[in-house]
Amino acid sequence: MQVYTYSEARQKFASVLKEAESTGKILIRRKDGRTFALVPEQMPSSPLDVPSIKADISTQEIVAIIREGRERGQNPALHLTEKR
């Protein structure tokens, strides 16, 4: 973890922010010895914001699997992993 003096951090502020973003934390030390941590804030994300996947399955097949799973009272996602 990099430690900067107050003057260094002020002079190189853009690069200090970039380093804090890449490493997760930067320390800034003042002349009186007090130290402050610069930590990037994490952006909140939606639980529905998930990456997509390429699947060789049609919408109709997905709907049929979900209906079948609901009728059986099972988790329909289990059927998606089965080999066809």
N, C-alpha and C. Protein backbone atom coordinates (compact mmCIF):
# COMPACT_ATOMS: atom_id res chain seq x y z
N MET A 1 0.85 -1.17 0.00
CA MET A 1 0.00 0.00 0.00
C MET A 1 0.90 1.24 0.00
N GLN A 2 0.59 2.14 -0.88
CA GLN A 2 1.39 3.35 -1.06
C GLN A 2 1.01 4.41 -0.02
N VAL A 3 2.01 5.09 0.52
CA VAL A 3 1.80 6.19 1.47
C VAL A 3 2.35 7.46 0.83
N TYR A 4 1.53 8.48 0.75
CA TYR A 4 1.92 9.78 0.20
C TYR A 4 1.91 10.81 1.31
N THR A 5 2.77 11.83 1.16
CA THR A 5 2.65 12.98 2.04
C THR A 5 1.47 13.81 1.53
N TYR A 6 1.00 14.70 2.36
CA TYR A 6 -0.11 15.57 1.96
C TYR A 6 0.25 16.36 0.70
N SER A 7 1.48 16.90 0.66
CA SER A 7 1.91 17.70 -0.49
C SER A 7 1.99 16.86 -1.76
N GLU A 8 2.55 15.65 -1.65
CA GLU A 8 2.62 14.75 -2.82
C GLU A 8 1.22 14.42 -3.35
N ALA A 9 0.32 14.08 -2.44
CA ALA A 9 -1.04 13.72 -2.84
C ALA A 9 -1.73 14.89 -3.52
N ARG A 10 -1.51 16.09 -3.02
CA ARG A 10 -2.13 17.27 -3.62
C ARG A 10 -1.57 17.53 -5.01
N GLN A 11 -0.27 17.38 -5.19
CA GLN A 11 0.36 17.63 -6.48
C GLN A 11 0.00 16.58 -7.52
N LYS A 12 -0.15 15.34 -7.10
CA LYS A 12 -0.41 14.22 -8.02
C LYS A 12 -1.81 13.65 -7.81
N PHE A 13 -2.77 14.51 -7.54
CA PHE A 13 -4.09 14.04 -7.10
C PHE A 13 -4.74 13.05 -8.07
N ALA A 14 -4.69 13.34 -9.37
CA ALA A 14 -5.32 12.45 -10.36
C ALA A 14 -4.69 11.07 -10.33
N SER A 15 -3.36 11.00 -10.27
CA SER A 15 -2.70 9.70 -10.26
C SER A 15 -2.91 8.99 -8.92
N VAL A 16 -3.02 9.74 -7.84
CA VAL A 16 -3.30 9.15 -6.53
C VAL A 16 -4.70 8.50 -6.54
N LEU A 17 -5.67 9.21 -7.12
CA LEU A 17 -7.02 8.63 -7.21
C LEU A 17 -7.01 7.37 -8.06
N LYS A 18 -6.29 7.40 -9.16
CA LYS A 18 -6.21 6.23 -10.05
C LYS A 18 -5.58 5.05 -9.33
N GLU A 19 -4.53 5.31 -8.56
CA GLU A 19 -3.87 4.24 -7.81
C GLU A 19 -4.78 3.69 -6.71
N ALA A 20 -5.52 4.58 -6.05
CA ALA A 20 -6.46 4.12 -5.02
C ALA A 20 -7.51 3.21 -5.64
N GLU A 21 -7.93 3.55 -6.85
CA GLU A 21 -8.94 2.74 -7.53
C GLU A 21 -8.38 1.37 -7.89
N SER A 22 -7.13 1.31 -8.33
CA SER A 22 -6.56 0.03 -8.74
C SER A 22 -6.11 -0.83 -7.56
N THR A 23 -5.60 -0.21 -6.49
CA THR A 23 -5.10 -1.00 -5.36
C THR A 23 -6.11 -1.14 -4.23
N GLY A 24 -7.09 -0.25 -4.19
CA GLY A 24 -8.12 -0.36 -3.15
C GLY A 24 -7.95 0.59 -1.98
N LYS A 25 -6.71 1.10 -1.78
CA LYS A 25 -6.51 1.98 -0.62
C LYS A 25 -5.17 2.71 -0.75
N ILE A 26 -5.17 3.98 -0.41
CA ILE A 26 -3.97 4.81 -0.38
C ILE A 26 -3.95 5.53 0.97
N LEU A 27 -2.77 5.69 1.53
CA LEU A 27 -2.64 6.45 2.78
C LEU A 27 -2.00 7.80 2.50
N ILE A 28 -2.50 8.82 3.18
CA ILE A 28 -1.96 10.17 3.07
C ILE A 28 -1.55 10.61 4.47
N ARG A 29 -0.26 10.98 4.61
CA ARG A 29 0.27 11.34 5.92
C ARG A 29 0.52 12.84 5.98
N ARG A 30 0.01 13.48 7.03
CA ARG A 30 0.23 14.91 7.22
C ARG A 30 1.51 15.14 8.00
N LYS A 31 1.95 16.40 8.05
CA LYS A 31 3.19 16.74 8.76
C LYS A 31 3.13 16.38 10.24
N ASP A 32 1.92 16.52 10.82
CA ASP A 32 1.79 16.23 12.26
C ASP A 32 1.71 14.73 12.55
N GLY A 33 1.81 13.88 11.51
CA GLY A 33 1.84 12.43 11.70
C GLY A 33 0.50 11.73 11.53
N ARG A 34 -0.58 12.51 11.48
CA ARG A 34 -1.89 11.87 11.28
C ARG A 34 -1.95 11.26 9.89
N THR A 35 -2.59 10.12 9.80
CA THR A 35 -2.70 9.41 8.52
C THR A 35 -4.17 9.25 8.17
N PHE A 36 -4.45 9.45 6.88
CA PHE A 36 -5.81 9.31 6.37
C PHE A 36 -5.80 8.29 5.24
N ALA A 37 -6.86 7.52 5.17
CA ALA A 37 -6.98 6.51 4.11
C ALA A 37 -7.91 7.03 3.02
N LEU A 38 -7.47 6.84 1.79
CA LEU A 38 -8.29 7.18 0.62
C LEU A 38 -8.73 5.85 0.02
N VAL A 39 -10.03 5.57 0.11
CA VAL A 39 -10.59 4.30 -0.35
C VAL A 39 -11.68 4.58 -1.36
N PRO A 40 -11.64 3.94 -2.53
CA PRO A 40 -12.70 4.18 -3.52
C PRO A 40 -14.04 3.65 -3.03
N GLU A 41 -15.08 4.41 -3.30
CA GLU A 41 -16.43 4.01 -2.92
C GLU A 41 -16.95 3.02 -3.96
N GLN A 42 -17.59 1.97 -3.49
CA GLN A 42 -18.13 0.98 -4.42
C GLN A 42 -19.49 1.44 -4.91
N MET A 43 -19.69 1.26 -6.22
CA MET A 43 -20.96 1.63 -6.84
C MET A 43 -21.99 0.55 -6.55
N PRO A 44 -23.16 0.94 -6.07
CA PRO A 44 -24.19 -0.07 -5.83
C PRO A 44 -24.68 -0.64 -7.15
N SER A 45 -24.97 -1.92 -7.15
CA SER A 45 -25.48 -2.55 -8.36
C SER A 45 -26.76 -3.30 -8.05
N SER A 46 -27.55 -3.47 -9.05
CA SER A 46 -28.82 -4.18 -8.90
C SER A 46 -28.57 -5.68 -8.83
N PRO A 47 -29.30 -6.41 -7.99
CA PRO A 47 -29.15 -7.86 -7.98
C PRO A 47 -29.61 -8.48 -9.30
N LEU A 48 -30.34 -7.71 -10.10
CA LEU A 48 -30.80 -8.21 -11.40
C LEU A 48 -29.78 -7.93 -12.51
N ASP A 49 -28.72 -7.21 -12.18
CA ASP A 49 -27.69 -6.88 -13.16
C ASP A 49 -26.68 -8.03 -13.22
N VAL A 50 -27.02 -9.05 -13.99
CA VAL A 50 -26.18 -10.24 -14.11
C VAL A 50 -25.69 -10.38 -15.55
N PRO A 51 -24.52 -10.96 -15.74
CA PRO A 51 -24.01 -11.13 -17.10
C PRO A 51 -24.86 -12.14 -17.87
N SER A 52 -24.95 -11.92 -19.16
CA SER A 52 -25.71 -12.85 -20.00
C SER A 52 -24.82 -14.00 -20.43
N ILE A 53 -25.45 -15.07 -20.89
CA ILE A 53 -24.71 -16.22 -21.39
C ILE A 53 -25.23 -16.57 -22.78
N LYS A 54 -24.40 -17.21 -23.56
CA LYS A 54 -24.82 -17.72 -24.85
C LYS A 54 -25.37 -19.12 -24.62
N ALA A 55 -26.62 -19.34 -24.99
CA ALA A 55 -27.23 -20.66 -24.81
C ALA A 55 -27.94 -21.05 -26.10
N ASP A 56 -27.80 -22.29 -26.46
CA ASP A 56 -28.45 -22.81 -27.66
C ASP A 56 -29.80 -23.39 -27.26
N ILE A 57 -30.70 -22.51 -26.84
CA ILE A 57 -32.03 -22.93 -26.38
C ILE A 57 -33.03 -21.83 -26.74
N SER A 58 -34.18 -22.24 -27.17
CA SER A 58 -35.19 -21.26 -27.59
C SER A 58 -36.03 -20.79 -26.41
N THR A 59 -36.72 -19.69 -26.62
CA THR A 59 -37.61 -19.17 -25.59
C THR A 59 -38.69 -20.17 -25.25
N GLN A 60 -39.22 -20.83 -26.26
CA GLN A 60 -40.27 -21.83 -26.04
C GLN A 60 -39.75 -22.98 -25.18
N GLU A 61 -38.51 -23.39 -25.39
CA GLU A 61 -37.95 -24.47 -24.57
C GLU A 61 -37.79 -24.04 -23.12
N ILE A 62 -37.37 -22.81 -22.93
CA ILE A 62 -37.21 -22.29 -21.56
C ILE A 62 -38.56 -22.25 -20.85
N VAL A 63 -39.57 -21.74 -21.54
CA VAL A 63 -40.91 -21.66 -20.95
C VAL A 63 -41.43 -23.06 -20.62
N ALA A 64 -41.21 -24.03 -21.52
CA ALA A 64 -41.65 -25.41 -21.28
C ALA A 64 -40.96 -26.01 -20.06
N ILE A 65 -39.65 -25.75 -19.92
CA ILE A 65 -38.90 -26.28 -18.77
C ILE A 65 -39.42 -25.67 -17.47
N ILE A 66 -39.69 -24.37 -17.49
CA ILE A 66 -40.20 -23.70 -16.28
C ILE A 66 -41.57 -24.25 -15.91
N ARG A 67 -42.44 -24.40 -16.90
CA ARG A 67 -43.78 -24.96 -16.63
C ARG A 67 -43.68 -26.37 -16.06
N GLU A 68 -42.83 -27.19 -16.65
CA GLU A 68 -42.66 -28.56 -16.18
C GLU A 68 -42.15 -28.57 -14.75
N GLY A 69 -41.18 -27.71 -14.45
CA GLY A 69 -40.65 -27.63 -13.09
C GLY A 69 -41.70 -27.18 -12.09
N ARG A 70 -42.54 -26.24 -12.48
CA ARG A 70 -43.59 -25.76 -11.57
C ARG A 70 -44.61 -26.85 -11.31
N GLU A 71 -44.92 -27.63 -12.33
CA GLU A 71 -45.88 -28.72 -12.16
C GLU A 71 -45.33 -29.79 -11.22
N ARG A 72 -44.02 -30.03 -11.32
CA ARG A 72 -43.38 -31.04 -10.46
C ARG A 72 -43.02 -30.47 -9.09
N GLY A 73 -43.02 -29.14 -8.97
CA GLY A 73 -42.62 -28.51 -7.72
C GLY A 73 -41.11 -28.49 -7.54
N GLN A 74 -40.39 -28.50 -8.67
CA GLN A 74 -38.93 -28.51 -8.62
C GLN A 74 -38.37 -27.18 -9.10
N ASN A 75 -37.09 -27.02 -8.91
CA ASN A 75 -36.39 -25.83 -9.38
C ASN A 75 -36.15 -25.97 -10.88
N PRO A 76 -36.74 -25.11 -11.71
CA PRO A 76 -36.59 -25.25 -13.16
C PRO A 76 -35.16 -25.04 -13.65
N ALA A 77 -34.33 -24.37 -12.89
CA ALA A 77 -32.95 -24.14 -13.31
C ALA A 77 -32.17 -25.45 -13.39
N LEU A 78 -32.60 -26.47 -12.64
CA LEU A 78 -31.90 -27.75 -12.68
C LEU A 78 -31.99 -28.38 -14.06
N HIS A 79 -33.09 -28.16 -14.76
CA HIS A 79 -33.27 -28.74 -16.08
C HIS A 79 -32.40 -28.06 -17.13
N LEU A 80 -32.05 -26.81 -16.93
CA LEU A 80 -31.25 -26.08 -17.90
C LEU A 80 -29.83 -26.61 -17.99
N THR A 81 -29.36 -27.27 -16.91
CA THR A 81 -28.00 -27.77 -16.91
C THR A 81 -27.89 -29.18 -17.48
N GLU A 82 -29.01 -29.83 -17.69
CA GLU A 82 -28.99 -31.18 -18.26
C GLU A 82 -28.55 -31.14 -19.70
N LYS A 83 -27.80 -32.16 -20.12
CA LYS A 83 -27.37 -32.24 -21.53
C LYS A 83 -28.55 -32.67 -22.37
N ARG A 84 -28.61 -32.07 -23.53
CA ARG A 84 -29.70 -32.39 -24.47
C ARG A 84 -29.19 -33.33 -25.53
